[in-house]
N, C-alpha and C. Protein backbone atom coordinates (compact mmCIF):
# COMPACT_ATOMS: atom_id res chain seq x y z
N UNK A 1 0.53 -0.71 -0.11
CA UNK A 1 0.30 -0.42 0.24
C UNK A 1 0.77 0.67 0.21
N UNK A 2 0.15 2.02 -0.25
CA UNK A 2 1.47 4.02 -0.81
C UNK A 2 0.61 4.48 0.16
N UNK A 3 1.71 5.32 0.81
CA UNK A 3 1.28 6.70 1.99
C UNK A 3 0.39 7.14 0.85
N UNK A 4 0.24 8.11 2.01
CA UNK A 4 -0.49 9.40 1.33
C UNK A 4 0.34 10.66 2.05
N UNK A 5 0.52 11.83 0.98
CA UNK A 5 1.69 12.87 1.57
C UNK A 5 0.85 13.94 1.18
N UNK A 6 1.29 15.04 1.73
CA UNK A 6 0.92 16.60 1.22
C UNK A 6 1.54 16.24 -0.24
N UNK A 7 2.40 16.11 -0.84
CA UNK A 7 3.03 15.51 -2.54
C UNK A 7 1.67 14.79 -3.16
N UNK A 8 0.68 14.35 -2.55
CA UNK A 8 0.40 13.38 -3.64
C UNK A 8 -1.22 13.46 -3.37
N UNK A 9 -1.73 13.94 -2.60
CA UNK A 9 -3.38 13.57 -1.37
C UNK A 9 -3.99 14.57 -2.40
N UNK A 10 -3.75 15.84 -3.11
CA UNK A 10 -4.42 15.99 -4.22
C UNK A 10 -4.25 15.36 -5.77
N UNK A 11 -3.69 14.77 -6.43
CA UNK A 11 -3.60 14.00 -6.72
C UNK A 11 -4.18 12.63 -6.87
N UNK A 12 -4.38 12.54 -5.84
CA UNK A 12 -5.24 10.32 -5.41
C UNK A 12 -6.78 10.97 -5.33
N UNK A 13 -6.72 12.41 -4.50
CA UNK A 13 -8.20 12.84 -4.29
C UNK A 13 -9.18 12.35 -5.26
N UNK A 14 -8.49 13.25 -6.68
CA UNK A 14 -9.42 13.09 -6.90
C UNK A 14 -10.04 11.50 -8.24
N UNK A 15 -9.02 11.18 -8.33
CA UNK A 15 -9.30 9.83 -8.66
C UNK A 15 -10.17 8.97 -8.27
N UNK A 16 -9.44 9.48 -6.51
CA UNK A 16 -10.55 8.07 -6.00
C UNK A 16 -11.99 8.59 -5.55
N UNK A 17 -11.78 9.64 -6.04
CA UNK A 17 -13.54 10.01 -6.10
C UNK A 17 -14.11 9.83 -7.64
N UNK A 18 -13.39 10.45 -8.69
CA UNK A 18 -13.76 9.40 -9.99
C UNK A 18 -14.11 8.02 -10.48
N UNK A 19 -13.26 6.99 -9.88
CA UNK A 19 -12.94 5.58 -10.13
C UNK A 19 -13.76 5.06 -8.85
N UNK A 20 -14.72 5.60 -7.76
CA UNK A 20 -15.28 5.49 -6.79
C UNK A 20 -14.44 4.72 -5.88
N UNK A 21 -13.45 4.70 -5.60
CA UNK A 21 -12.45 4.07 -4.64
C UNK A 21 -12.58 4.45 -3.03
N UNK A 22 -13.42 3.99 -2.80
CA UNK A 22 -13.99 4.88 -0.87
C UNK A 22 -12.71 4.98 -0.27
N UNK A 23 -11.93 3.83 0.05
CA UNK A 23 -11.78 3.20 0.60
C UNK A 23 -10.07 4.08 0.21
N UNK A 24 -9.85 4.38 -0.48
CA UNK A 24 -8.78 5.63 -0.37
C UNK A 24 -9.09 6.83 -0.67
N UNK A 25 -10.15 7.28 -0.88
CA UNK A 25 -10.92 8.76 -0.01
C UNK A 25 -11.29 8.99 1.30
N UNK A 26 -11.18 7.53 1.55
CA UNK A 26 -11.52 7.66 3.76
C UNK A 26 -10.03 7.56 3.89
N UNK A 27 -9.06 7.28 3.51
CA UNK A 27 -7.49 7.19 3.17
C UNK A 27 -7.02 9.13 3.57
N UNK A 28 -7.53 8.99 2.33
CA UNK A 28 -7.53 10.75 2.13
C UNK A 28 -8.01 11.61 3.52
N UNK A 29 -8.85 11.82 3.08
CA UNK A 29 -9.58 12.46 4.75
C UNK A 29 -9.05 11.89 5.86
N UNK A 30 -8.44 10.49 5.82
CA UNK A 30 -7.46 11.10 7.06
C UNK A 30 -6.27 11.68 7.03
N UNK A 31 -5.96 11.85 6.17
CA UNK A 31 -4.49 12.45 6.28
C UNK A 31 -5.37 13.67 6.53
N UNK A 32 -6.24 14.13 5.36
CA UNK A 32 -6.16 16.25 5.65
C UNK A 32 -6.64 16.56 6.65
N UNK A 33 -7.48 14.90 7.73
CA UNK A 33 -7.89 15.39 8.94
C UNK A 33 -6.90 15.48 10.32
N UNK A 34 -5.38 14.89 9.80
CA UNK A 34 -5.03 14.93 10.57
C UNK A 34 -3.76 16.16 10.63
N UNK A 35 -3.88 17.00 9.22
CA UNK A 35 -3.55 18.54 8.86
C UNK A 35 -4.54 19.93 9.62
N UNK A 36 -3.28 20.48 9.95
CA UNK A 36 -3.77 22.29 10.70
C UNK A 36 -5.53 22.57 9.58
N UNK A 37 -6.09 22.70 10.32
CA UNK A 37 -8.10 23.24 9.76
C UNK A 37 -7.33 24.31 8.56
N UNK A 38 -8.00 24.51 7.91
CA UNK A 38 -7.67 25.96 7.19
C UNK A 38 -9.30 26.21 6.20
N UNK A 39 -8.85 26.83 5.29
CA UNK A 39 -10.12 27.84 4.53
C UNK A 39 -9.51 26.31 3.05
N UNK A 40 -8.69 25.75 3.02
CA UNK A 40 -8.24 24.48 1.89
C UNK A 40 -8.39 24.06 2.04
N UNK A 41 -8.19 23.32 3.38
CA UNK A 41 -9.16 21.96 3.81
C UNK A 41 -10.20 22.06 3.39
N UNK A 42 -10.64 23.18 3.75
CA UNK A 42 -12.68 23.24 4.18
C UNK A 42 -13.08 22.76 3.37
N UNK A 43 -12.71 24.06 1.71
CA UNK A 43 -13.38 23.58 0.24
C UNK A 43 -12.69 22.33 -0.62
N UNK A 44 -11.46 22.04 -0.19
CA UNK A 44 -11.80 20.47 -0.31
C UNK A 44 -12.48 19.67 0.55
N UNK A 45 -13.12 19.34 1.34
CA UNK A 45 -13.76 18.74 2.27
C UNK A 45 -14.93 18.83 1.38
N UNK A 46 -15.53 20.03 0.86
CA UNK A 46 -16.89 20.70 -0.07
C UNK A 46 -17.17 19.78 -1.05
N UNK A 47 -15.77 19.92 -1.71
CA UNK A 47 -15.61 19.51 -2.85
C UNK A 47 -15.52 18.42 -3.17
N UNK A 48 -14.81 17.53 -2.40
CA UNK A 48 -15.41 16.28 -2.46
C UNK A 48 -16.12 14.99 -1.40
N UNK A 49 -16.35 15.99 -0.53
CA UNK A 49 -18.14 15.85 -0.10
C UNK A 49 -17.41 14.50 0.78
N UNK A 50 -16.14 15.33 1.99
CA UNK A 50 -15.75 14.70 2.79
C UNK A 50 -16.22 15.34 4.52
N UNK A 51 -17.20 14.50 4.56
CA UNK A 51 -18.20 14.40 6.07
C UNK A 51 -17.62 14.90 7.38
N UNK A 52 -16.40 14.10 7.46
CA UNK A 52 -15.53 14.45 8.43
C UNK A 52 -14.41 16.43 8.75
N UNK A 53 -13.93 15.91 7.07
CA UNK A 53 -12.97 16.86 7.25
C UNK A 53 -13.94 18.38 7.23
N UNK A 54 -14.87 18.12 6.50
CA UNK A 54 -15.73 19.17 6.24
C UNK A 54 -16.07 19.48 7.71
N UNK A 55 -16.86 19.04 8.92
CA UNK A 55 -17.13 19.08 10.20
C UNK A 55 -15.92 19.87 10.93
N UNK A 56 -15.17 19.35 11.15
CA UNK A 56 -13.38 20.32 11.72
C UNK A 56 -12.94 21.47 11.61
N UNK A 57 -13.38 21.06 10.45
CA UNK A 57 -12.62 22.77 9.45
C UNK A 57 -13.09 23.74 9.60
N UNK A 58 -14.89 23.54 9.29
CA UNK A 58 -15.83 24.81 9.99
C UNK A 58 -15.86 24.57 10.97
N UNK A 59 -16.09 23.98 12.06
CA UNK A 59 -15.57 23.79 13.42
C UNK A 59 -14.06 24.77 13.72
N UNK A 60 -13.36 25.04 12.95
CA UNK A 60 -11.97 25.63 13.04
C UNK A 60 -12.76 27.13 12.34
N UNK A 61 -13.71 27.48 11.62
CA UNK A 61 -13.47 28.70 10.88
C UNK A 61 -14.34 29.08 11.23
N UNK A 62 -15.09 28.87 12.97
CA UNK A 62 -15.92 29.55 13.12
C UNK A 62 -15.16 29.96 13.94
N UNK A 63 -14.23 29.47 14.73
CA UNK A 63 -13.46 29.88 15.77
C UNK A 63 -13.02 30.81 15.31
N UNK A 64 -11.69 31.02 14.48
CA UNK A 64 -10.40 31.49 13.85
C UNK A 64 -10.86 32.69 13.77
N UNK A 65 -10.40 33.89 14.32
CA UNK A 65 -11.07 35.49 14.35
C UNK A 65 -11.01 35.79 12.40
N UNK A 66 -12.09 35.83 11.97
CA UNK A 66 -11.75 36.72 10.70
C UNK A 66 -10.49 37.34 9.91
N UNK A 67 -9.53 37.58 10.96
CA UNK A 67 -8.01 38.50 10.57
C UNK A 67 -7.71 37.17 9.62
N UNK A 68 -7.11 35.79 10.05
CA UNK A 68 -6.85 35.20 10.38
C UNK A 68 -7.38 34.30 8.91
N UNK A 69 -9.00 34.20 9.03
CA UNK A 69 -9.06 33.20 7.65
C UNK A 69 -8.62 34.31 6.37
N UNK A 70 -8.56 35.19 7.05
CA UNK A 70 -8.68 36.69 4.81
C UNK A 70 -7.13 36.57 4.59
N UNK A 71 -6.42 36.37 6.04
CA UNK A 71 -5.34 36.08 5.06
C UNK A 71 -4.69 34.78 5.08
N UNK A 72 -5.65 34.10 4.79
CA UNK A 72 -5.75 32.99 3.65
C UNK A 72 -5.83 33.14 2.88
N UNK A 73 -4.55 32.74 1.23
CA UNK A 73 -5.16 33.33 -0.23
C UNK A 73 -6.77 32.31 -0.10
N UNK A 74 -6.98 31.16 0.23
CA UNK A 74 -8.41 30.84 -0.61
C UNK A 74 -9.96 31.20 0.01
N UNK A 75 -9.33 32.30 1.19
CA UNK A 75 -10.68 32.78 1.83
C UNK A 75 -11.79 33.38 0.46
N UNK A 76 -10.93 33.70 -0.86
CA UNK A 76 -11.76 34.61 -1.23
C UNK A 76 -12.55 33.85 -2.10
N UNK A 77 -12.44 31.92 -2.03
CA UNK A 77 -13.38 31.35 -2.72
C UNK A 77 -14.28 30.77 -1.56
N UNK A 78 -14.18 31.27 -1.02
CA UNK A 78 -15.64 30.82 -0.12
C UNK A 78 -16.61 31.20 -0.38
N UNK A 79 -17.68 30.51 -0.39
CA UNK A 79 -19.14 30.78 -0.83
C UNK A 79 -19.82 31.86 -0.08
N UNK A 80 -21.09 32.78 -0.48
CA UNK A 80 -21.91 33.29 -0.04
C UNK A 80 -22.57 32.78 0.74
N UNK A 81 -23.41 31.93 1.12
CA UNK A 81 -23.48 30.91 2.36
C UNK A 81 -22.88 31.10 3.34
N UNK A 82 -21.38 29.95 2.83
CA UNK A 82 -20.28 30.20 4.16
C UNK A 82 -20.01 30.91 4.55
N UNK A 83 -19.66 32.17 3.84
CA UNK A 83 -19.63 33.86 4.47
C UNK A 83 -20.50 33.84 5.37
N UNK A 84 -21.91 33.59 5.33
CA UNK A 84 -22.86 34.34 5.84
C UNK A 84 -22.83 33.04 7.07
N UNK A 85 -23.24 32.28 6.83
CA UNK A 85 -23.31 31.36 8.27
C UNK A 85 -21.91 31.98 9.61
N UNK A 86 -20.33 32.25 8.59
CA UNK A 86 -19.63 32.31 9.85
C UNK A 86 -19.88 33.46 10.01
N UNK A 87 -20.41 34.80 9.26
CA UNK A 87 -20.13 35.52 9.65
C UNK A 87 -21.79 36.35 11.22
N UNK A 88 -22.69 35.12 10.74
CA UNK A 88 -23.87 34.74 11.68
C UNK A 88 -23.11 34.58 12.77
N UNK A 89 -22.49 33.51 13.03
CA UNK A 89 -21.69 32.49 13.63
C UNK A 89 -20.97 34.06 15.28
N UNK A 90 -19.80 34.72 14.32
CA UNK A 90 -19.33 35.66 14.52
C UNK A 90 -20.12 36.55 15.66
N UNK A 91 -21.29 37.20 14.86
CA UNK A 91 -22.05 38.32 15.73
C UNK A 91 -22.25 37.59 16.52
N UNK A 92 -23.28 35.82 16.62
CA UNK A 92 -23.78 35.62 17.89
C UNK A 92 -23.23 35.44 19.40
N UNK A 93 -21.38 35.46 19.23
CA UNK A 93 -20.82 35.59 19.59
C UNK A 93 -20.37 36.36 20.04
N UNK A 94 -20.03 37.51 19.21
CA UNK A 94 -19.64 39.02 19.89
C UNK A 94 -20.50 39.29 20.50
N UNK A 95 -22.23 38.90 20.55
CA UNK A 95 -22.92 39.84 21.09
C UNK A 95 -23.18 38.81 23.05
N UNK A 96 -23.03 37.99 22.67
CA UNK A 96 -23.14 37.31 24.44
C UNK A 96 -21.56 37.94 24.88
N UNK A 97 -20.68 38.16 24.31
CA UNK A 97 -19.57 38.28 25.13
C UNK A 97 -19.33 40.56 25.71
N UNK A 98 -20.35 40.62 24.40
CA UNK A 98 -20.45 42.04 25.12
C UNK A 98 -21.70 41.94 26.33
N UNK A 99 -22.82 40.98 26.61
CA UNK A 99 -24.12 40.79 27.39
C UNK A 99 -22.52 41.26 28.33
N UNK A 100 -22.52 40.07 28.58
CA UNK A 100 -21.50 39.46 29.33
C UNK A 100 -20.70 40.66 30.01
N UNK A 101 -19.81 41.58 29.31
CA UNK A 101 -18.82 42.84 29.13
C UNK A 101 -20.34 43.74 30.48
N UNK A 102 -21.30 43.76 29.85
CA UNK A 102 -21.65 45.03 30.09
C UNK A 102 -22.21 44.48 31.76
N UNK A 103 -22.62 42.96 32.52
CA UNK A 103 -22.70 42.68 33.45
C UNK A 103 -21.35 42.96 34.35
N UNK A 104 -20.37 42.59 34.06
CA UNK A 104 -19.52 43.77 34.18
C UNK A 104 -19.12 44.61 34.98
N UNK A 105 -20.02 45.37 33.67
CA UNK A 105 -19.39 46.75 33.87
C UNK A 105 -20.51 46.85 35.08
N UNK A 106 -21.74 47.20 35.32
CA UNK A 106 -22.54 46.95 35.93
C UNK A 106 -22.00 46.85 37.58
N UNK A 107 -21.58 45.57 37.34
CA UNK A 107 -21.06 44.68 38.74
C UNK A 107 -20.41 46.31 39.56
N UNK A 108 -19.54 45.83 38.44
CA UNK A 108 -18.56 47.18 38.70
C UNK A 108 -18.93 48.54 39.34
N UNK A 109 -19.73 48.99 38.59
CA UNK A 109 -20.73 50.46 38.61
C UNK A 109 -21.50 50.19 40.04
N UNK A 110 -21.58 49.31 40.55
CA UNK A 110 -22.27 48.60 41.84
C UNK A 110 -23.46 48.43 41.19
N UNK A 111 -24.14 48.36 40.03
CA UNK A 111 -25.28 49.12 39.48
C UNK A 111 -26.79 47.35 39.58
N UNK A 112 -25.60 46.34 39.88
CA UNK A 112 -25.53 45.37 39.86
C UNK A 112 -24.93 44.48 41.04
N UNK A 113 -25.58 44.25 42.23
CA UNK A 113 -24.50 43.03 43.28
C UNK A 113 -24.22 41.58 43.63
N UNK A 114 -23.73 41.61 42.68
CA UNK A 114 -23.45 39.93 42.19
C UNK A 114 -21.87 39.89 42.27
N UNK A 115 -21.65 38.19 41.19
CA UNK A 115 -20.91 38.22 41.58
C UNK A 115 -20.03 38.28 39.56
N UNK A 116 -19.50 38.30 38.90
CA UNK A 116 -19.24 38.07 37.57
C UNK A 116 -17.69 37.60 37.25
N UNK A 117 -18.24 36.74 35.54
CA UNK A 117 -17.44 35.74 35.63
C UNK A 117 -16.05 37.35 35.26
N UNK A 118 -14.81 36.11 35.82
CA UNK A 118 -13.74 37.08 35.84
C UNK A 118 -13.35 37.83 37.37
N UNK A 119 -14.20 37.15 38.47
CA UNK A 119 -13.62 38.60 39.00
C UNK A 119 -12.39 37.11 39.82
N UNK A 120 -12.95 37.00 40.32
CA UNK A 120 -11.62 36.48 40.68
C UNK A 120 -10.49 36.36 40.43
N UNK A 121 -10.43 37.78 39.20
CA UNK A 121 -8.86 37.97 39.01
C UNK A 121 -8.21 39.39 39.69
N UNK A 122 -9.72 39.70 40.53
CA UNK A 122 -9.57 41.35 41.70
C UNK A 122 -8.23 40.58 42.53
N UNK A 123 -7.97 41.79 42.38
CA UNK A 123 -6.91 42.19 44.03
C UNK A 123 -8.05 42.20 45.43
N UNK A 124 -7.16 41.10 46.53
CA UNK A 124 -7.52 41.23 47.76
C UNK A 124 -8.57 42.72 48.35
N UNK A 125 -7.37 43.89 47.85
CA UNK A 125 -8.45 45.44 48.13
C UNK A 125 -9.38 44.95 47.01
N UNK A 126 -9.44 45.11 46.37
CA UNK A 126 -10.42 44.97 45.41
C UNK A 126 -11.96 44.22 45.69
N UNK A 127 -11.37 43.35 46.58
CA UNK A 127 -12.30 42.06 46.76
C UNK A 127 -13.52 42.87 48.05
N UNK A 128 -12.28 43.00 48.78
CA UNK A 128 -13.27 43.51 50.19
C UNK A 128 -13.78 44.45 50.10
N UNK A 129 -13.24 45.72 48.79
CA UNK A 129 -14.46 47.00 48.54
C UNK A 129 -14.78 46.27 48.20
N UNK A 130 -15.57 45.41 47.24
CA UNK A 130 -16.86 44.79 47.37
C UNK A 130 -17.51 44.31 48.01
N UNK A 131 -17.12 43.75 48.86
CA UNK A 131 -17.84 42.87 49.94
C UNK A 131 -18.67 44.05 50.86
N UNK A 132 -17.41 44.92 50.92
CA UNK A 132 -18.30 46.04 52.00
C UNK A 132 -19.09 47.24 50.93
N UNK A 133 -19.71 47.42 49.84
CA UNK A 133 -19.79 47.85 48.92
C UNK A 133 -19.47 49.16 48.60
N UNK A 134 -17.95 49.30 49.35
CA UNK A 134 -17.84 51.00 48.77
C UNK A 134 -16.69 50.70 46.95
N UNK A 135 -16.44 52.11 46.85
CA UNK A 135 -15.60 52.00 45.73
C UNK A 135 -14.35 51.92 45.67
N UNK A 136 -13.75 50.88 45.39
CA UNK A 136 -12.11 50.66 45.08
C UNK A 136 -11.37 51.41 43.95
N UNK A 137 -11.60 51.79 43.40
CA UNK A 137 -11.29 53.16 41.93
C UNK A 137 -10.09 53.30 42.67
N UNK A 138 -10.13 53.70 43.88
CA UNK A 138 -8.59 54.02 43.97
C UNK A 138 -7.23 53.44 44.31
N UNK A 139 -7.21 52.44 44.21
CA UNK A 139 -6.06 50.90 43.77
C UNK A 139 -5.74 50.88 43.27
N UNK A 140 -6.52 51.31 41.81
CA UNK A 140 -6.37 50.65 40.77
C UNK A 140 -4.74 49.76 40.03
N UNK A 141 -5.27 48.82 40.99
CA UNK A 141 -3.80 47.25 40.35
C UNK A 141 -4.34 47.23 39.62
N UNK A 142 -3.19 46.30 38.90
CA UNK A 142 -3.31 45.51 37.94
C UNK A 142 -5.05 45.37 37.50
N UNK A 143 -5.12 44.46 37.85
CA UNK A 143 -7.00 43.97 37.62
C UNK A 143 -8.34 44.60 37.83
N UNK A 144 -7.90 46.05 38.33
CA UNK A 144 -8.65 47.09 37.80
C UNK A 144 -8.60 47.64 36.30
N UNK A 145 -7.90 48.08 36.16
CA UNK A 145 -7.00 48.13 35.33
C UNK A 145 -6.84 47.50 34.42
N UNK A 146 -6.88 46.23 33.67
CA UNK A 146 -7.58 45.69 33.54
C UNK A 146 -8.91 45.62 32.29
N UNK A 147 -9.29 45.10 33.93
CA UNK A 147 -10.94 44.98 33.80
C UNK A 147 -11.72 46.42 32.89
N UNK A 148 -10.78 47.46 33.48
CA UNK A 148 -11.26 48.97 33.28
C UNK A 148 -10.79 48.65 31.53
N UNK A 149 -9.98 48.72 30.88
CA UNK A 149 -9.56 48.34 29.74
C UNK A 149 -9.98 47.48 28.82
N UNK A 150 -10.85 46.92 29.41
CA UNK A 150 -11.45 45.69 28.54
C UNK A 150 -12.69 46.22 28.31
N UNK A 151 -13.44 47.39 29.35
CA UNK A 151 -14.76 47.96 28.97
C UNK A 151 -14.53 48.93 28.21
N UNK A 152 -13.05 49.75 28.03
CA UNK A 152 -13.16 51.38 27.78
C UNK A 152 -12.91 50.32 26.44
N UNK A 153 -12.52 49.45 25.98
CA UNK A 153 -12.49 48.50 24.16
C UNK A 153 -13.72 48.45 24.08
N UNK A 154 -14.18 47.83 24.51
CA UNK A 154 -15.84 47.20 24.09
C UNK A 154 -17.50 48.56 23.99
N UNK A 155 -16.98 49.70 24.28
CA UNK A 155 -18.47 50.67 24.11
C UNK A 155 -17.47 51.35 22.63
N UNK A 156 -16.68 51.77 22.27
CA UNK A 156 -16.06 52.04 20.90
C UNK A 156 -16.94 51.90 20.15
C-alpha cells in the first residue's frame, strides 16, 4: 500500500472520487483531518464531499478570527452561504460577549450586586471593597486596570 502525503493527496483524491475508490477516499480524508485546519481544507471537503473534514474545518472557521481567515489565499473562494453562516456565528458570539461585559460593568459600577466572570482576578483590596459595597477605584492595581481597559475597548 502507498503512503498518502502532502505531495500526492491532491492528485489521489480526485482520482479516488472519479473511480469511486471509497477506501482510498477515506484514507485521503483521514490524512487531511490530521493536518492543520484551513480554508483550503474546508474547500476540499466541500468539493469532494468529505463529511469529517468538513465538520472539523467548519469548526475551525467558526473559531478563528476573521483576520486569520482573510490572510489565507483561499478565503476569497468561500461561497456566500458559508460566509454568511460564519459571520452570523461570529456576530452571535460577539453579542454574548458584549452582554457579559455589560454585566461586569454593571457589577463594577455597583448597579448590580453579584459576582461576575473574572471576579477571581480582583486583588484583595478590590474584593474587600466589593464586600463592603464601597468604591475600589482608588487602588487601580493591575486587575482594575485590566477590567477597565476591556470595558473601554468594548464601548468604542
